[in-house]
Protein backbone atom coordinates (compact mmCIF):
# COMPACT_ATOMS: atom_id res chain seq x y z
CA MET A 1 56.92 122.60 143.14
CA ILE A 2 57.18 118.57 143.78
CA GLN A 3 60.56 117.27 145.12
CA VAL A 4 62.09 114.01 143.40
CA ASN A 5 64.36 112.31 145.76
CA TYR A 6 66.58 109.59 144.26
CA PHE A 7 68.23 106.62 146.37
CA ALA A 8 70.58 103.84 146.72
CA ARG A 9 71.88 102.64 143.01
CA TYR A 10 69.74 105.46 141.24
CA ARG A 11 71.20 108.37 143.30
CA GLU A 12 74.72 106.74 141.98
CA LEU A 13 73.64 106.15 138.43
CA LEU A 14 71.94 109.64 138.39
CA GLY A 15 75.09 111.82 139.51
CA SER A 16 71.92 113.26 141.59
CA ASP A 17 70.15 112.80 145.46
CA GLY A 18 67.06 114.64 144.11
CA GLU A 19 65.98 117.77 142.69
CA ALA A 20 62.90 120.14 142.68
CA LEU A 21 59.98 120.04 139.62
CA ALA A 22 57.53 122.56 139.03
CA TRP A 23 54.43 120.75 139.65
CA THR A 24 51.73 121.41 136.55
CA PRO A 25 48.03 119.77 136.39
CA ALA A 26 49.78 117.79 133.58
CA LEU A 27 51.58 115.67 135.99
CA ARG A 28 48.51 113.98 137.30
CA THR A 29 50.17 110.04 138.56
CA LEU A 30 54.07 109.01 139.59
CA ARG A 31 53.78 107.36 135.91
CA GLU A 32 53.62 110.51 134.04
CA LEU A 33 56.36 112.31 136.30
CA ARG A 34 58.25 109.01 135.94
CA GLN A 35 57.62 109.18 132.21
CA LEU A 36 58.73 113.08 132.02
CA LEU A 37 61.88 111.84 134.08
CA VAL A 38 62.43 108.89 131.81
CA GLU A 39 62.06 111.02 128.19
CA ARG A 40 65.43 113.17 129.26
CA GLY A 41 66.94 110.04 127.70
CA GLU A 42 70.17 108.26 129.44
CA PRO A 43 70.81 107.32 132.06
CA TRP A 44 67.23 108.28 132.77
CA ALA A 45 65.59 105.91 130.48
CA GLN A 46 67.97 102.99 132.20
CA VAL A 47 67.44 103.76 135.62
CA LEU A 48 63.84 104.74 135.95
CA GLY A 49 62.20 102.95 133.01
CA GLN A 50 62.78 99.87 134.75
CA ALA A 51 59.68 97.85 135.65
CA ASN A 52 60.76 96.99 139.01
CA LEU A 53 61.04 100.96 139.90
CA MET A 54 59.43 101.29 143.52
CA CYS A 55 58.11 104.69 144.94
CA ALA A 56 57.18 106.73 147.79
CA ARG A 57 55.23 109.77 147.99
CA ASN A 58 55.07 111.75 150.97
CA GLN A 59 57.01 108.70 152.77
CA ALA A 60 54.45 106.24 151.90
CA LEU A 61 55.36 103.64 149.62
CA CYS A 62 52.96 103.57 146.65
CA ASN A 63 52.56 102.21 142.91
CA LEU A 64 52.76 104.53 139.87
CA ASP A 65 49.21 104.86 140.08
CA GLU A 66 49.43 107.83 143.14
CA PRO A 67 48.14 111.27 141.83
CA LEU A 68 49.97 114.07 142.61
CA ALA A 69 49.67 117.36 143.85
CA ASP A 70 51.73 120.31 144.64
CA GLY A 71 54.12 120.05 147.71
CA ASP A 72 54.82 116.41 147.11
CA ASP A 73 57.98 114.49 148.38
CA ILE A 74 58.19 111.69 145.94
CA ALA A 75 61.06 109.16 146.02
CA PHE A 76 62.24 106.53 143.49
CA PHE A 77 64.86 103.57 144.98
CA PRO A 78 65.61 100.18 143.77
CA PRO A 79 63.96 97.62 145.17
CA VAL A 80 64.74 96.10 148.59
CA THR A 81 65.63 93.12 149.93
CA GLY A 82 65.99 91.13 153.26
CA GLY A 83 68.41 88.39 154.38
């Protein structure tokens, strides 16, 4: 299983703070996971299809080319800014 968490505005737009998904060898990277979720249609495509999507694997920031493995904890969240 992969635990997928949605934070901040993404959680609000999707109406969920996360979900558990079955992992398969076909899900090799976060990019492939994102594509699977985007293919659900709206609001998934709007939220996770953004170019500036931020993500983390097992509490470490990463990019969409990060490999996936069974048991991973994934987070998707909007860009953060400071001031």
